[in-house]
Amino acid sequence: MKEQTPEQIMKYGGVATALREWCERNNKTAKDINLIIGKDMGYSAGYIWLNGKGAPGPKTIKLLSKGTGIPEAQLMRRNTMNEVETIPAKINSNPPVFSFTVNDNGEARIKLDVTLPIQQAVPLFRMILDAGVIVNGQTPND
């Protein structure tokens, strides 16, 4: 299976994370996701969503949310950076806890220095892993 593109990670990573966590908590698989939406076990949608390569449509989101208990908002694709000209996000604290800037080439620089409870840190870490920012404990620039 081909690797996710950065655009796919940005658009669909949240959907994949929500569904993976649900599957882990409930000992379920992509086959179970397909059954929830009324498709047979060989249908590919569940696999596509779990691998972060797509997101369900509006009607399917309702079925999936009802069947899994995952809020509909977590099953929707995100907007991409191409759809946003500027993203002014900076929390004013000393030192800064979080900053996000985008240069003219469309590259984003994200800085985060925060202590979180493990329940909040694990989903954030999974999202960072899904984005390919950390691979085997190293950043891509190492």
C-alpha atoms as a PDB file:
ATOM      1  CA  MET A   1       0.000   0.000   0.000  1.00  0.00           C
ATOM      2  CA  LYS A   2       1.321   3.443  -0.905  1.00  0.00           C
ATOM      3  CA  GLU A   3       2.326   5.877   1.844  1.00  0.00           C
ATOM      4  CA  GLN A   4       0.027   8.760   2.689  1.00  0.00           C
ATOM      5  CA  THR A   5       0.809  12.074   1.049  1.00  0.00           C
ATOM      6  CA  PRO A   6       1.248  15.122   3.326  1.00  0.00           C
ATOM      7  CA  GLU A   7      -2.068  16.464   2.027  1.00  0.00           C
ATOM      8  CA  GLN A   8      -3.836  13.206   2.949  1.00  0.00           C
ATOM      9  CA  ILE A   9      -2.342  13.310   6.440  1.00  0.00           C
ATOM     10  CA  MET A  10      -3.507  16.886   6.899  1.00  0.00           C
ATOM     11  CA  LYS A  11      -7.024  16.211   5.577  1.00  0.00           C
ATOM     12  CA  TYR A  12      -7.726  12.742   6.954  1.00  0.00           C
ATOM     13  CA  GLY A  13      -5.329  12.147   9.869  1.00  0.00           C
ATOM     14  CA  GLY A  14      -7.930  13.117  12.461  1.00  0.00           C
ATOM     15  CA  VAL A  15     -10.457  10.656  11.032  1.00  0.00           C
ATOM     16  CA  ALA A  16      -7.858   7.863  11.061  1.00  0.00           C
ATOM     17  CA  THR A  17      -6.855   8.647  14.649  1.00  0.00           C
ATOM     18  CA  ALA A  18     -10.458   8.690  15.916  1.00  0.00           C
ATOM     19  CA  LEU A  19     -11.292   5.407  14.182  1.00  0.00           C
ATOM     20  CA  ARG A  20      -8.064   3.693  15.266  1.00  0.00           C
ATOM     21  CA  GLU A  21      -8.679   4.646  18.890  1.00  0.00           C
ATOM     22  CA  TRP A  22     -12.258   3.351  18.671  1.00  0.00           C
ATOM     23  CA  CYS A  23     -11.037   0.080  17.126  1.00  0.00           C
ATOM     24  CA  GLU A  24      -8.395  -0.356  19.845  1.00  0.00           C
ATOM     25  CA  ARG A  25     -10.848   0.363  22.681  1.00  0.00           C
ATOM     26  CA  ASN A  26     -13.467  -2.003  21.273  1.00  0.00           C
ATOM     27  CA  ASN A  27     -11.253  -4.695  19.711  1.00  0.00           C
ATOM     28  CA  LYS A  28     -12.693  -3.922  16.262  1.00  0.00           C
ATOM     29  CA  THR A  29     -11.275  -3.817  12.733  1.00  0.00           C
ATOM     30  CA  ALA A  30     -11.952  -2.180   9.370  1.00  0.00           C
ATOM     31  CA  LYS A  31     -14.373  -5.031   8.668  1.00  0.00           C
ATOM     32  CA  ASP A  32     -16.455  -3.942  11.661  1.00  0.00           C
ATOM     33  CA  ILE A  33     -16.441  -0.344  10.432  1.00  0.00           C
ATOM     34  CA  ASN A  34     -17.772  -1.525   7.062  1.00  0.00           C
ATOM     35  CA  LEU A  35     -20.539  -3.494   8.768  1.00  0.00           C
ATOM     36  CA  ILE A  36     -21.584  -0.408  10.780  1.00  0.00           C
ATOM     37  CA  ILE A  37     -22.181   1.522   7.558  1.00  0.00           C
ATOM     38  CA  GLY A  38     -24.094  -1.401   6.024  1.00  0.00           C
ATOM     39  CA  LYS A  39     -21.387  -2.687   3.695  1.00  0.00           C
ATOM     40  CA  ASP A  40     -19.954  -6.174   3.478  1.00  0.00           C
ATOM     41  CA  MET A  41     -16.616  -7.110   5.022  1.00  0.00           C
ATOM     42  CA  GLY A  42     -14.743  -6.850   1.693  1.00  0.00           C
ATOM     43  CA  TYR A  43     -15.695  -3.206   1.169  1.00  0.00           C
ATOM     44  CA  SER A  44     -12.619  -0.926   1.132  1.00  0.00           C
ATOM     45  CA  ALA A  45     -13.891   2.221   2.894  1.00  0.00           C
ATOM     46  CA  GLY A  46     -13.008   1.105   6.438  1.00  0.00           C
ATOM     47  CA  TYR A  47      -9.441   0.345   5.368  1.00  0.00           C
ATOM     48  CA  ILE A  48      -9.108   3.661   3.537  1.00  0.00           C
ATOM     49  CA  TRP A  49     -10.315   5.641   6.558  1.00  0.00           C
ATOM     50  CA  LEU A  50      -8.146   3.738   9.052  1.00  0.00           C
ATOM     51  CA  ASN A  51      -5.102   4.347   6.856  1.00  0.00           C
ATOM     52  CA  GLY A  52      -5.813   8.081   6.625  1.00  0.00           C
ATOM     53  CA  LYS A  53      -6.383   8.102   2.879  1.00  0.00           C
ATOM     54  CA  GLY A  54      -9.951   9.328   2.895  1.00  0.00           C
ATOM     55  CA  ALA A  55     -12.928  10.343   5.001  1.00  0.00           C
ATOM     56  CA  PRO A  56     -16.593   9.325   4.952  1.00  0.00           C
ATOM     57  CA  GLY A  57     -19.223  11.454   3.237  1.00  0.00           C
ATOM     58  CA  PRO A  58     -22.005  13.299   5.088  1.00  0.00           C
ATOM     59  CA  LYS A  59     -24.546  10.420   5.101  1.00  0.00           C
ATOM     60  CA  THR A  60     -21.921   7.875   6.092  1.00  0.00           C
ATOM     61  CA  ILE A  61     -20.610  10.142   8.870  1.00  0.00           C
ATOM     62  CA  LYS A  62     -24.037  10.023  10.518  1.00  0.00           C
ATOM     63  CA  LEU A  63     -24.148   6.200  10.349  1.00  0.00           C
ATOM     64  CA  LEU A  64     -20.569   5.871  11.566  1.00  0.00           C
ATOM     65  CA  SER A  65     -21.072   8.316  14.425  1.00  0.00           C
ATOM     66  CA  LYS A  66     -24.231   6.533  15.542  1.00  0.00           C
ATOM     67  CA  GLY A  67     -22.569   3.107  15.344  1.00  0.00           C
ATOM     68  CA  THR A  68     -19.302   4.045  17.049  1.00  0.00           C
ATOM     69  CA  GLY A  69     -20.238   6.901  19.353  1.00  0.00           C
ATOM     70  CA  ILE A  70     -17.505   9.053  17.775  1.00  0.00           C
ATOM     71  CA  PRO A  71     -18.709  12.661  17.398  1.00  0.00           C
ATOM     72  CA  GLU A  72     -19.475  13.588  13.778  1.00  0.00           C
ATOM     73  CA  ALA A  73     -16.948  16.449  13.881  1.00  0.00           C
ATOM     74  CA  GLN A  74     -14.109  13.941  14.435  1.00  0.00           C
ATOM     75  CA  LEU A  75     -15.125  11.990  11.333  1.00  0.00           C
ATOM     76  CA  MET A  76     -14.945  14.948   8.923  1.00  0.00           C
ATOM     77  CA  ARG A  77     -11.972  15.795   6.781  1.00  0.00           C
ATOM     78  CA  ARG A  78      -9.971  18.878   7.740  1.00  0.00           C
ATOM     79  CA  ASN A  79      -9.405  21.891   5.524  1.00  0.00           C
ATOM     80  CA  THR A  80      -5.982  21.918   3.900  1.00  0.00           C
ATOM     81  CA  MET A  81      -3.453  24.704   4.199  1.00  0.00           C
ATOM     82  CA  ASN A  82      -4.017  25.480   0.508  1.00  0.00           C
ATOM     83  CA  GLU A  83      -7.515  26.620   1.462  1.00  0.00           C
ATOM     84  CA  VAL A  84      -6.136  29.021   4.075  1.00  0.00           C
ATOM     85  CA  GLU A  85      -3.978  31.992   3.128  1.00  0.00           C
ATOM     86  CA  THR A  86      -2.630  32.790   6.554  1.00  0.00           C
ATOM     87  CA  ILE A  87      -3.004  31.069   9.876  1.00  0.00           C
ATOM     88  CA  PRO A  88      -2.251  33.507  12.674  1.00  0.00           C
ATOM     89  CA  ALA A  89      -1.809  31.301  15.716  1.00  0.00           C
ATOM     90  CA  LYS A  90       0.413  32.391  18.537  1.00  0.00           C
ATOM     91  CA  ILE A  91      -0.267  32.110  22.224  1.00  0.00           C
ATOM     92  CA  ASN A  92       1.266  35.003  24.098  1.00  0.00           C
ATOM     93  CA  SER A  93       3.111  33.611  27.057  1.00  0.00           C
ATOM     94  CA  ASN A  94       6.688  33.784  28.176  1.00  0.00           C
ATOM     95  CA  PRO A  95       8.196  31.503  26.969  1.00  0.00           C
ATOM     96  CA  PRO A  96       5.746  30.687  24.158  1.00  0.00           C
ATOM     97  CA  VAL A  97       3.841  27.441  24.694  1.00  0.00           C
ATOM     98  CA  PHE A  98       2.690  27.083  21.084  1.00  0.00           C
ATOM     99  CA  SER A  99       3.458  28.876  17.856  1.00  0.00           C
ATOM    100  CA  PHE A 100       2.506  28.152  14.262  1.00  0.00           C
ATOM    101  CA  THR A 101       3.819  30.104  11.293  1.00  0.00           C
ATOM    102  CA  VAL A 102       3.630  29.521   7.536  1.00  0.00           C
ATOM    103  CA  ASN A 103       6.294  30.837   5.175  1.00  0.00           C
ATOM    104  CA  ASP A 104       5.800  31.942   1.553  1.00  0.00           C
ATOM    105  CA  ASN A 105       6.720  28.454   0.301  1.00  0.00           C
ATOM    106  CA  GLY A 106       3.798  26.927   2.209  1.00  0.00           C
ATOM    107  CA  GLU A 107       6.007  25.288   4.826  1.00  0.00           C
ATOM    108  CA  ALA A 108       4.664  25.312   8.371  1.00  0.00           C
ATOM    109  CA  ARG A 109       6.805  25.670  11.476  1.00  0.00           C
ATOM    110  CA  ILE A 110       5.166  24.395  14.625  1.00  0.00           C
ATOM    111  CA  LYS A 111       6.618  24.747  18.108  1.00  0.00           C
ATOM    112  CA  LEU A 112       5.012  23.227  21.178  1.00  0.00           C
ATOM    113  CA  ASP A 113       6.332  23.098  24.720  1.00  0.00           C
ATOM    114  CA  VAL A 114       3.661  21.951  27.127  1.00  0.00           C
ATOM    115  CA  THR A 115       3.044  19.361  29.841  1.00  0.00           C
ATOM    116  CA  LEU A 116      -0.208  17.434  29.375  1.00  0.00           C
ATOM    117  CA  PRO A 117      -2.059  14.672  31.197  1.00  0.00           C
ATOM    118  CA  ILE A 118      -1.388  11.336  29.494  1.00  0.00           C
ATOM    119  CA  GLN A 119      -5.013  11.148  28.276  1.00  0.00           C
ATOM    120  CA  GLN A 120      -4.431  14.305  26.203  1.00  0.00           C
ATOM    121  CA  ALA A 121      -0.823  13.597  25.277  1.00  0.00           C
ATOM    122  CA  VAL A 122      -1.384  10.176  23.669  1.00  0.00           C
ATOM    123  CA  PRO A 123      -3.886  11.359  20.992  1.00  0.00           C
ATOM    124  CA  LEU A 124      -1.643  14.352  20.225  1.00  0.00           C
ATOM    125  CA  PHE A 125       1.399  12.108  19.893  1.00  0.00           C
ATOM    126  CA  ARG A 126      -0.518   9.730  17.588  1.00  0.00           C
ATOM    127  CA  MET A 127      -1.524  12.669  15.400  1.00  0.00           C
ATOM    128  CA  ILE A 128       2.120  13.778  15.192  1.00  0.00           C
ATOM    129  CA  LEU A 129       3.141  10.233  14.250  1.00  0.00           C
ATOM    130  CA  ASP A 130       0.384  10.106  11.606  1.00  0.00           C
ATOM    131  CA  ALA A 131       1.771  13.327  10.155  1.00  0.00           C
ATOM    132  CA  GLY A 132       5.198  11.721   9.762  1.00  0.00           C
ATOM    133  CA  VAL A 133       6.871  14.331  11.968  1.00  0.00           C
ATOM    134  CA  ILE A 134       8.494  11.703  14.194  1.00  0.00           C
ATOM    135  CA  VAL A 135       9.637   8.373  12.807  1.00  0.00           C
ATOM    136  CA  ASN A 136      11.306   5.838  15.106  1.00  0.00           C
ATOM    137  CA  GLY A 137      12.049   8.533  17.679  1.00  0.00           C
ATOM    138  CA  GLN A 138      13.765  10.838  15.159  1.00  0.00           C
ATOM    139  CA  THR A 139      12.557  13.834  13.221  1.00  0.00           C
ATOM    140  CA  PRO A 140      12.863  13.706   9.405  1.00  0.00           C
ATOM    141  CA  ASN A 141      15.771  16.210   9.571  1.00  0.00           C
ATOM    142  CA  ASP A 142      17.907  14.009  11.885  1.00  0.00           C
END
